[in-house]
Amino acid sequence: MLIPRNHARKIWPRFVGAILRGEKAFELRQEDRARFEPGDVLELLEWCPQVEKYSGVVLRFGVSSVLRDVPGLVEGFAVLSLGPCDLEHSFPLEGCIPNELARYGIRAAEVLPDLSYFETWRR
């Protein structure tokens, strides 16, 4: 039996919006840094490429299943089925928490303090 691992990855605001609206329950991810397994924890850190900043929003999910090596899926990629969002351990959507983000190696200068900017990109 494998020991579950945590994986922190960037996610764009439009995909955060789709997750928050319940329209998206999976992630397509390249397995270039690590292999994903059921039971792992996926922490998605909202990142806006237009300004190259984080919002401070982190969504935490359990990976319930992993699809790889299926017809049509590019080798080295996997589709992760996301379990329920762990809101108790996800960071709040209001306000940024640079001290908490430090555990991911993110500096305060990399966080955009105004979340309203991200709201426009979450649609």
Protein backbone atom coordinates (compact mmCIF):
# COMPACT_ATOMS: atom_id res chain seq x y z
CA MET A 1 0.00 0.00 0.00
CA LEU A 2 1.31 3.42 -0.95
CA ILE A 3 1.55 6.28 1.50
CA PRO A 4 -0.65 9.20 0.34
CA ARG A 5 1.30 12.26 -0.78
CA ASN A 6 0.46 15.94 -1.04
CA HIS A 7 0.80 17.61 -4.44
CA ALA A 8 0.67 21.42 -4.69
CA ARG A 9 -0.04 22.74 -8.20
CA LYS A 10 -1.01 26.06 -9.77
CA ILE A 11 -4.50 26.48 -11.20
CA TRP A 12 -5.88 29.36 -13.25
CA PRO A 13 -8.83 31.43 -11.99
CA ARG A 14 -11.27 30.26 -14.69
CA PHE A 15 -10.79 26.67 -13.52
CA VAL A 16 -11.18 27.68 -9.86
CA GLY A 17 -14.46 29.32 -10.86
CA ALA A 18 -15.62 26.14 -12.62
CA ILE A 19 -14.75 24.05 -9.55
CA LEU A 20 -16.52 26.46 -7.18
CA ARG A 21 -19.63 26.41 -9.40
CA GLY A 22 -19.62 22.59 -9.40
CA GLU A 23 -18.96 22.40 -13.15
CA LYS A 24 -15.56 20.70 -12.88
CA ALA A 25 -14.74 17.65 -10.75
CA PHE A 26 -11.50 16.49 -12.36
CA GLU A 27 -8.00 17.71 -13.18
CA LEU A 28 -5.85 16.86 -16.18
CA ARG A 29 -2.25 16.94 -14.96
CA GLN A 30 1.14 16.07 -16.37
CA GLU A 31 2.96 13.54 -14.24
CA ASP A 32 6.37 15.11 -14.80
CA ARG A 33 7.16 15.74 -11.12
CA ALA A 34 5.36 12.87 -9.44
CA ARG A 35 2.93 10.07 -10.11
CA PHE A 36 -0.55 10.65 -8.73
CA GLU A 37 -2.34 7.86 -6.88
CA PRO A 38 -5.82 7.49 -5.36
CA GLY A 39 -5.78 8.75 -1.79
CA ASP A 40 -3.23 11.50 -2.51
CA VAL A 41 -4.08 15.11 -1.64
CA LEU A 42 -4.14 17.70 -4.42
CA GLU A 43 -3.75 21.32 -3.29
CA LEU A 44 -4.62 23.76 -6.07
CA LEU A 45 -3.09 27.24 -5.64
CA GLU A 46 -4.93 29.88 -7.65
CA TRP A 47 -2.48 31.63 -10.01
CA CYS A 48 -3.29 34.39 -12.51
CA PRO A 49 -0.92 34.19 -15.49
CA GLN A 50 -1.91 37.66 -16.72
CA VAL A 51 -0.26 39.30 -13.70
CA GLU A 52 1.91 36.34 -12.60
CA LYS A 53 0.57 36.43 -9.02
CA TYR A 54 -1.21 34.09 -6.62
CA SER A 55 -4.58 35.02 -5.12
CA GLY A 56 -3.95 33.25 -1.82
CA VAL A 57 -6.79 30.82 -2.52
CA VAL A 58 -5.87 27.17 -2.07
CA LEU A 59 -8.39 24.40 -2.68
CA ARG A 60 -7.61 20.99 -1.17
CA PHE A 61 -9.03 17.75 -2.58
CA GLY A 62 -8.55 14.05 -2.08
CA VAL A 63 -7.78 12.24 -5.33
CA SER A 64 -10.45 9.56 -5.62
CA SER A 65 -9.29 7.93 -8.86
CA VAL A 66 -6.63 8.30 -11.53
CA LEU A 67 -6.94 7.55 -15.25
CA ARG A 68 -3.81 7.12 -17.34
CA ASP A 69 -2.77 5.06 -20.33
CA VAL A 70 -6.18 5.28 -21.98
CA PRO A 71 -6.82 5.86 -25.70
CA GLY A 72 -6.65 9.57 -26.56
CA LEU A 73 -4.76 10.61 -23.44
CA VAL A 74 -1.24 11.84 -24.11
CA GLU A 75 1.46 9.72 -22.50
CA GLY A 76 2.73 11.23 -19.24
CA PHE A 77 -0.64 12.82 -18.39
CA ALA A 78 -3.32 11.66 -15.95
CA VAL A 79 -6.94 12.59 -15.28
CA LEU A 80 -7.55 12.97 -11.54
CA SER A 81 -11.05 12.59 -10.14
CA LEU A 82 -11.44 15.10 -7.31
CA GLY A 83 -13.19 14.09 -4.13
CA PRO A 84 -15.09 16.66 -2.04
CA CYS A 85 -13.23 19.90 -1.37
CA ASP A 86 -11.73 19.90 2.13
CA LEU A 87 -13.03 23.35 3.08
CA GLU A 88 -11.85 22.98 6.66
CA HIS A 89 -8.25 22.89 5.46
CA SER A 90 -8.63 25.07 2.35
CA PHE A 91 -7.78 28.70 2.72
CA PRO A 92 -10.66 31.16 2.79
CA LEU A 93 -11.69 32.88 -0.42
CA GLU A 94 -11.61 36.31 1.18
CA GLY A 95 -8.21 37.86 1.77
CA CYS A 96 -4.76 36.48 1.18
CA ILE A 97 -2.69 34.68 3.75
CA PRO A 98 0.96 35.16 2.76
CA ASN A 99 2.20 33.50 5.96
CA GLU A 100 0.27 30.33 5.16
CA LEU A 101 1.46 30.37 1.55
CA ALA A 102 5.07 30.39 2.75
CA ARG A 103 4.77 26.65 3.33
CA TYR A 104 4.56 26.32 -0.46
CA GLY A 105 7.63 28.51 -0.94
CA ILE A 106 5.53 31.49 -2.05
CA ARG A 107 6.69 34.96 -1.00
CA ALA A 108 4.28 37.78 -0.10
CA ALA A 109 5.43 39.69 -3.20
CA GLU A 110 4.01 36.88 -5.35
CA VAL A 111 0.49 37.33 -3.94
CA LEU A 112 -1.93 39.85 -5.39
CA PRO A 113 -3.71 41.46 -2.41
CA ASP A 114 -6.90 42.36 -4.29
CA LEU A 115 -9.07 39.29 -4.89
CA SER A 116 -11.59 41.30 -6.91
CA TYR A 117 -9.14 41.11 -9.80
CA PHE A 118 -9.39 37.31 -9.72
CA GLU A 119 -13.20 37.40 -9.66
CA THR A 120 -13.24 38.74 -13.23
CA TRP A 121 -11.04 35.85 -14.42
CA ARG A 122 -13.09 33.14 -12.62
CA ARG A 123 -16.00 33.40 -15.04
